[in-house]
Amino acid sequence: MTPGTLVLLHDPADTAAGWGPLPETLRSYGLDVVAPDVRGVEGMRYVARAALVIAATAPRAPLILVGHGAVGPLLPSIAVAQRAAHRPVGGYVFIDARLPRARRAPQSADPGQGHGHDHGDGHPETPEAPVPDDWPEAPCGYLQLSTAYDQEARQASLRGWPVAASEQADVAQALHKLIVTL
């Protein structure tokens, strides 16, 4: 796939600086890259703030949403906001990221259940957004950098998504190759 703009979305606990030289390296490949800095918010507030920052950059469609860490489950909602603004999403890439999961009603009456708990895989649950019924409406891929995300990479593979593994030093190259396969 030939993207219009790559949108690099950092983990809500991090900043855009966490991407390091990745945005500039991808630009050196001739790609249009936006790395919004969305600080101090999680869940739907992250989605809303990211949508505003993305809109301010006037990205070219189709967008490729690239998410790291706990932002993964928010990518479908970020895509809904982009589609509502007439910016189609052409693909998704998860980099050592949690995957979106359909939310189920809690089994108990405890209203706090399901927030801030561990999934049993070592990754704490973060406030998530609902996953739209039509998601994914575009191809998805997974880039694994750490063995801590073995289960997520396995789930991506079971969904039929291309999965690539990379060393930290080769992230830009691996990401670029993965995007081409979408």
C-alpha atoms as a PDB file:
ATOM      1  CA  MET A   1       0.000   0.000   0.000  1.00  0.00           C
ATOM      2  CA  THR A   2       1.081   3.530  -0.662  1.00  0.00           C
ATOM      3  CA  PRO A   3       0.026   5.664   2.303  1.00  0.00           C
ATOM      4  CA  GLY A   4      -0.875   9.314   2.143  1.00  0.00           C
ATOM      5  CA  THR A   5       0.265  10.038   5.697  1.00  0.00           C
ATOM      6  CA  LEU A   6       1.603   7.822   8.464  1.00  0.00           C
ATOM      7  CA  VAL A   7       0.177   8.915  11.800  1.00  0.00           C
ATOM      8  CA  LEU A   8       2.424   7.733  14.645  1.00  0.00           C
ATOM      9  CA  LEU A   9       0.395   7.568  17.856  1.00  0.00           C
ATOM     10  CA  HIS A  10       2.401   7.127  21.055  1.00  0.00           C
ATOM     11  CA  ASP A  11       1.354   5.266  24.179  1.00  0.00           C
ATOM     12  CA  PRO A  12      -0.805   7.526  26.397  1.00  0.00           C
ATOM     13  CA  ALA A  13       1.812   7.276  29.162  1.00  0.00           C
ATOM     14  CA  ASP A  14       4.511   8.574  26.814  1.00  0.00           C
ATOM     15  CA  THR A  15       5.018  11.562  24.489  1.00  0.00           C
ATOM     16  CA  ALA A  16       5.776  11.883  20.791  1.00  0.00           C
ATOM     17  CA  ALA A  17       9.452  12.189  21.750  1.00  0.00           C
ATOM     18  CA  GLY A  18       9.271   8.484  22.623  1.00  0.00           C
ATOM     19  CA  TRP A  19       9.361   7.720  18.889  1.00  0.00           C
ATOM     20  CA  GLY A  20      12.954   8.997  18.856  1.00  0.00           C
ATOM     21  CA  PRO A  21      14.389   9.330  15.327  1.00  0.00           C
ATOM     22  CA  LEU A  22      11.663   7.126  13.761  1.00  0.00           C
ATOM     23  CA  PRO A  23       9.587   9.976  12.237  1.00  0.00           C
ATOM     24  CA  GLU A  24      12.639  11.573  10.581  1.00  0.00           C
ATOM     25  CA  THR A  25      13.929   8.242   9.334  1.00  0.00           C
ATOM     26  CA  LEU A  26      10.550   7.444   7.764  1.00  0.00           C
ATOM     27  CA  ARG A  27      10.514  10.909   6.156  1.00  0.00           C
ATOM     28  CA  SER A  28      13.917  10.116   4.648  1.00  0.00           C
ATOM     29  CA  TYR A  29      12.159   7.209   2.875  1.00  0.00           C
ATOM     30  CA  GLY A  30       9.872   9.779   1.241  1.00  0.00           C
ATOM     31  CA  LEU A  31       6.908   9.167   3.539  1.00  0.00           C
ATOM     32  CA  ASP A  32       4.638  11.892   4.926  1.00  0.00           C
ATOM     33  CA  VAL A  33       4.723  11.404   8.712  1.00  0.00           C
ATOM     34  CA  VAL A  34       2.778  13.041  11.515  1.00  0.00           C
ATOM     35  CA  ALA A  35       3.575  12.261  15.159  1.00  0.00           C
ATOM     36  CA  PRO A  36       0.990  14.061  17.315  1.00  0.00           C
ATOM     37  CA  ASP A  37       2.028  14.824  20.873  1.00  0.00           C
ATOM     38  CA  VAL A  38      -0.979  13.887  23.003  1.00  0.00           C
ATOM     39  CA  ARG A  39      -0.084  14.290  26.668  1.00  0.00           C
ATOM     40  CA  GLY A  40      -1.796  13.637  29.950  1.00  0.00           C
ATOM     41  CA  VAL A  41      -4.985  11.960  28.728  1.00  0.00           C
ATOM     42  CA  GLU A  42      -6.232   8.405  28.209  1.00  0.00           C
ATOM     43  CA  GLY A  43      -9.199   6.672  26.661  1.00  0.00           C
ATOM     44  CA  MET A  44     -11.670   8.779  24.731  1.00  0.00           C
ATOM     45  CA  ARG A  45      -9.915  11.993  25.786  1.00  0.00           C
ATOM     46  CA  TYR A  46      -6.805  10.731  24.016  1.00  0.00           C
ATOM     47  CA  VAL A  47      -8.954   9.973  20.941  1.00  0.00           C
ATOM     48  CA  ALA A  48     -10.464  13.475  20.943  1.00  0.00           C
ATOM     49  CA  ARG A  49      -7.157  15.267  21.432  1.00  0.00           C
ATOM     50  CA  ALA A  50      -5.393  13.111  18.820  1.00  0.00           C
ATOM     51  CA  ALA A  51      -8.192  13.855  16.320  1.00  0.00           C
ATOM     52  CA  LEU A  52      -7.720  17.602  16.828  1.00  0.00           C
ATOM     53  CA  VAL A  53      -3.954  17.427  16.429  1.00  0.00           C
ATOM     54  CA  ILE A  54      -4.211  15.207  13.341  1.00  0.00           C
ATOM     55  CA  ALA A  55      -6.733  17.604  11.767  1.00  0.00           C
ATOM     56  CA  ALA A  56      -4.400  20.546  12.392  1.00  0.00           C
ATOM     57  CA  THR A  57      -1.659  18.857  10.332  1.00  0.00           C
ATOM     58  CA  ALA A  58      -3.894  18.528   7.240  1.00  0.00           C
ATOM     59  CA  PRO A  59      -2.750  14.959   6.489  1.00  0.00           C
ATOM     60  CA  ARG A  60      -3.057  13.374   3.071  1.00  0.00           C
ATOM     61  CA  ALA A  61      -5.359  10.368   2.738  1.00  0.00           C
ATOM     62  CA  PRO A  62      -5.306   7.491   3.059  1.00  0.00           C
ATOM     63  CA  LEU A  63      -3.962   7.548   6.587  1.00  0.00           C
ATOM     64  CA  ILE A  64      -2.030   4.684   8.100  1.00  0.00           C
ATOM     65  CA  LEU A  65      -2.578   4.741  11.862  1.00  0.00           C
ATOM     66  CA  VAL A  66       0.469   3.383  13.690  1.00  0.00           C
ATOM     67  CA  GLY A  67      -0.034   2.780  17.398  1.00  0.00           C
ATOM     68  CA  HIS A  68       2.371   1.848  20.178  1.00  0.00           C
ATOM     69  CA  GLY A  69       1.568   0.241  23.514  1.00  0.00           C
ATOM     70  CA  ALA A  70      -1.711   1.063  25.231  1.00  0.00           C
ATOM     71  CA  VAL A  71      -2.929   3.243  22.343  1.00  0.00           C
ATOM     72  CA  GLY A  72      -3.610   0.094  20.288  1.00  0.00           C
ATOM     73  CA  PRO A  73      -7.172  -0.438  21.550  1.00  0.00           C
ATOM     74  CA  LEU A  74      -7.935   3.230  20.764  1.00  0.00           C
ATOM     75  CA  LEU A  75      -7.010   3.031  17.067  1.00  0.00           C
ATOM     76  CA  PRO A  76     -10.525   2.011  15.903  1.00  0.00           C
ATOM     77  CA  SER A  77     -12.042   5.071  17.620  1.00  0.00           C
ATOM     78  CA  ILE A  78      -9.340   7.344  16.238  1.00  0.00           C
ATOM     79  CA  ALA A  79     -10.192   5.936  12.795  1.00  0.00           C
ATOM     80  CA  VAL A  80     -13.893   6.690  13.300  1.00  0.00           C
ATOM     81  CA  ALA A  81     -12.992  10.318  14.052  1.00  0.00           C
ATOM     82  CA  GLN A  82     -10.837  10.478  10.921  1.00  0.00           C
ATOM     83  CA  ARG A  83     -13.529   8.964   8.703  1.00  0.00           C
ATOM     84  CA  ALA A  84     -16.062  11.424  10.136  1.00  0.00           C
ATOM     85  CA  ALA A  85     -13.710  14.203   9.007  1.00  0.00           C
ATOM     86  CA  HIS A  86     -13.549  12.644   5.498  1.00  0.00           C
ATOM     87  CA  ARG A  87     -10.009  11.354   5.991  1.00  0.00           C
ATOM     88  CA  PRO A  88     -10.119   7.657   5.086  1.00  0.00           C
ATOM     89  CA  VAL A  89      -7.905   5.207   6.919  1.00  0.00           C
ATOM     90  CA  GLY A  90      -6.024   2.865   4.600  1.00  0.00           C
ATOM     91  CA  GLY A  91      -4.448   0.661   7.253  1.00  0.00           C
ATOM     92  CA  TYR A  92      -3.360   0.053  10.821  1.00  0.00           C
ATOM     93  CA  VAL A  93      -0.029  -1.015  12.263  1.00  0.00           C
ATOM     94  CA  PHE A  94       0.386  -2.022  15.887  1.00  0.00           C
ATOM     95  CA  ILE A  95       3.934  -1.749  17.263  1.00  0.00           C
ATOM     96  CA  ASP A  96       4.291  -3.678  20.521  1.00  0.00           C
ATOM     97  CA  ALA A  97       0.720  -2.642  21.149  1.00  0.00           C
ATOM     98  CA  ARG A  98      -2.345  -4.069  22.771  1.00  0.00           C
ATOM     99  CA  LEU A  99      -4.987  -5.086  20.262  1.00  0.00           C
ATOM    100  CA  PRO A 100      -8.566  -3.811  20.175  1.00  0.00           C
ATOM    101  CA  ARG A 101     -11.029  -6.246  21.697  1.00  0.00           C
ATOM    102  CA  ALA A 102     -14.782  -6.167  21.700  1.00  0.00           C
ATOM    103  CA  ARG A 103     -15.928  -5.024  25.118  1.00  0.00           C
ATOM    104  CA  ARG A 104     -18.218  -7.334  27.033  1.00  0.00           C
ATOM    105  CA  ALA A 105     -20.585  -6.435  29.813  1.00  0.00           C
ATOM    106  CA  PRO A 106     -18.986  -7.018  33.239  1.00  0.00           C
ATOM    107  CA  GLN A 107     -19.863 -10.306  34.920  1.00  0.00           C
ATOM    108  CA  SER A 108     -20.399  -8.664  38.305  1.00  0.00           C
ATOM    109  CA  ALA A 109     -22.304  -5.638  39.499  1.00  0.00           C
ATOM    110  CA  ASP A 110     -19.065  -3.959  40.562  1.00  0.00           C
ATOM    111  CA  PRO A 111     -18.966  -0.784  38.424  1.00  0.00           C
ATOM    112  CA  GLY A 112     -15.200  -0.511  38.845  1.00  0.00           C
ATOM    113  CA  GLN A 113     -14.514  -3.949  37.422  1.00  0.00           C
ATOM    114  CA  GLY A 114     -12.676  -4.000  34.116  1.00  0.00           C
ATOM    115  CA  HIS A 115     -10.676  -0.810  34.638  1.00  0.00           C
ATOM    116  CA  GLY A 116      -7.001  -0.846  35.546  1.00  0.00           C
ATOM    117  CA  HIS A 117      -6.837  -4.636  35.965  1.00  0.00           C
ATOM    118  CA  ASP A 118      -4.348  -7.007  34.404  1.00  0.00           C
ATOM    119  CA  HIS A 119      -5.517  -9.179  31.475  1.00  0.00           C
ATOM    120  CA  GLY A 120      -3.429 -12.018  32.876  1.00  0.00           C
ATOM    121  CA  ASP A 121      -0.787 -11.504  30.190  1.00  0.00           C
ATOM    122  CA  GLY A 122       1.334  -8.987  32.099  1.00  0.00           C
ATOM    123  CA  HIS A 123      -0.190  -5.931  30.396  1.00  0.00           C
ATOM    124  CA  PRO A 124      -2.469  -3.786  32.556  1.00  0.00           C
ATOM    125  CA  GLU A 125      -5.823  -2.890  31.103  1.00  0.00           C
ATOM    126  CA  THR A 126      -6.248   0.761  30.226  1.00  0.00           C
ATOM    127  CA  PRO A 127      -9.465   2.658  29.650  1.00  0.00           C
ATOM    128  CA  GLU A 128     -10.536   1.653  26.176  1.00  0.00           C
ATOM    129  CA  ALA A 129     -12.955   2.883  23.598  1.00  0.00           C
ATOM    130  CA  PRO A 130     -15.679   0.789  22.039  1.00  0.00           C
ATOM    131  CA  VAL A 131     -14.670  -1.126  18.911  1.00  0.00           C
ATOM    132  CA  PRO A 132     -16.956  -0.274  15.980  1.00  0.00           C
ATOM    133  CA  ASP A 133     -18.808  -3.219  14.412  1.00  0.00           C
ATOM    134  CA  ASP A 134     -17.179  -2.571  11.025  1.00  0.00           C
ATOM    135  CA  TRP A 135     -13.626  -2.628  12.381  1.00  0.00           C
ATOM    136  CA  PRO A 136     -11.225  -3.357  10.833  1.00  0.00           C
ATOM    137  CA  GLU A 137     -12.358  -1.715   7.622  1.00  0.00           C
ATOM    138  CA  ALA A 138      -8.759  -1.557   6.406  1.00  0.00           C
ATOM    139  CA  PRO A 139      -5.786  -3.946   6.477  1.00  0.00           C
ATOM    140  CA  CYS A 140      -3.874  -4.379   9.734  1.00  0.00           C
ATOM    141  CA  GLY A 141      -0.338  -5.458  10.575  1.00  0.00           C
ATOM    142  CA  TYR A 142       1.696  -6.054  13.722  1.00  0.00           C
ATOM    143  CA  LEU A 143       5.343  -5.186  14.364  1.00  0.00           C
ATOM    144  CA  GLN A 144       6.816  -6.923  17.387  1.00  0.00           C
ATOM    145  CA  LEU A 145       9.911  -5.480  19.004  1.00  0.00           C
ATOM    146  CA  SER A 146       9.763  -7.207  22.380  1.00  0.00           C
ATOM    147  CA  THR A 147       8.967 -10.721  23.600  1.00  0.00           C
ATOM    148  CA  ALA A 148       6.637  -9.084  26.136  1.00  0.00           C
ATOM    149  CA  TYR A 149       4.164  -8.822  23.243  1.00  0.00           C
ATOM    150  CA  ASP A 150       4.326 -12.456  22.091  1.00  0.00           C
ATOM    151  CA  GLN A 151       0.654 -13.019  22.873  1.00  0.00           C
ATOM    152  CA  GLU A 152      -0.473  -9.901  21.021  1.00  0.00           C
ATOM    153  CA  ALA A 153       1.637 -10.836  17.979  1.00  0.00           C
ATOM    154  CA  ARG A 154       0.163 -14.337  18.095  1.00  0.00           C
ATOM    155  CA  GLN A 155      -3.369 -12.911  18.219  1.00  0.00           C
ATOM    156  CA  ALA A 156      -2.577 -10.682  15.225  1.00  0.00           C
ATOM    157  CA  SER A 157      -1.298 -13.705  13.320  1.00  0.00           C
ATOM    158  CA  LEU A 158      -4.445 -15.673  14.184  1.00  0.00           C
ATOM    159  CA  ARG A 159      -6.486 -12.780  12.767  1.00  0.00           C
ATOM    160  CA  GLY A 160      -4.601 -13.252   9.490  1.00  0.00           C
ATOM    161  CA  TRP A 161      -2.599 -10.043   9.766  1.00  0.00           C
ATOM    162  CA  PRO A 162       0.992  -9.838   8.582  1.00  0.00           C
ATOM    163  CA  VAL A 163       3.314  -9.943  11.591  1.00  0.00           C
ATOM    164  CA  ALA A 164       6.951  -8.875  11.536  1.00  0.00           C
ATOM    165  CA  ALA A 165       9.573  -8.950  14.247  1.00  0.00           C
ATOM    166  CA  SER A 166      12.395  -6.463  14.412  1.00  0.00           C
ATOM    167  CA  GLU A 167      15.295  -5.308  16.486  1.00  0.00           C
ATOM    168  CA  GLN A 168      14.950  -1.812  17.952  1.00  0.00           C
ATOM    169  CA  ALA A 169      17.591  -0.506  15.531  1.00  0.00           C
ATOM    170  CA  ASP A 170      15.616  -1.583  12.444  1.00  0.00           C
ATOM    171  CA  VAL A 171      12.148  -0.282  13.345  1.00  0.00           C
ATOM    172  CA  ALA A 172      11.855   2.202  10.463  1.00  0.00           C
ATOM    173  CA  GLN A 173      12.885  -0.340   7.867  1.00  0.00           C
ATOM    174  CA  ALA A 174      10.635  -3.085   9.295  1.00  0.00           C
ATOM    175  CA  LEU A 175       7.695  -0.671   9.570  1.00  0.00           C
ATOM    176  CA  HIS A 176       8.175   0.500   5.991  1.00  0.00           C
ATOM    177  CA  LYS A 177       8.256  -3.125   4.710  1.00  0.00           C
ATOM    178  CA  LEU A 178       5.157  -4.003   6.727  1.00  0.00           C
ATOM    179  CA  ILE A 179       3.202  -1.041   5.386  1.00  0.00           C
ATOM    180  CA  VAL A 180       4.032  -2.047   1.816  1.00  0.00           C
ATOM    181  CA  THR A 181       2.447  -5.469   2.476  1.00  0.00           C
ATOM    182  CA  LEU A 182      -0.841  -4.032   3.711  1.00  0.00           C
END
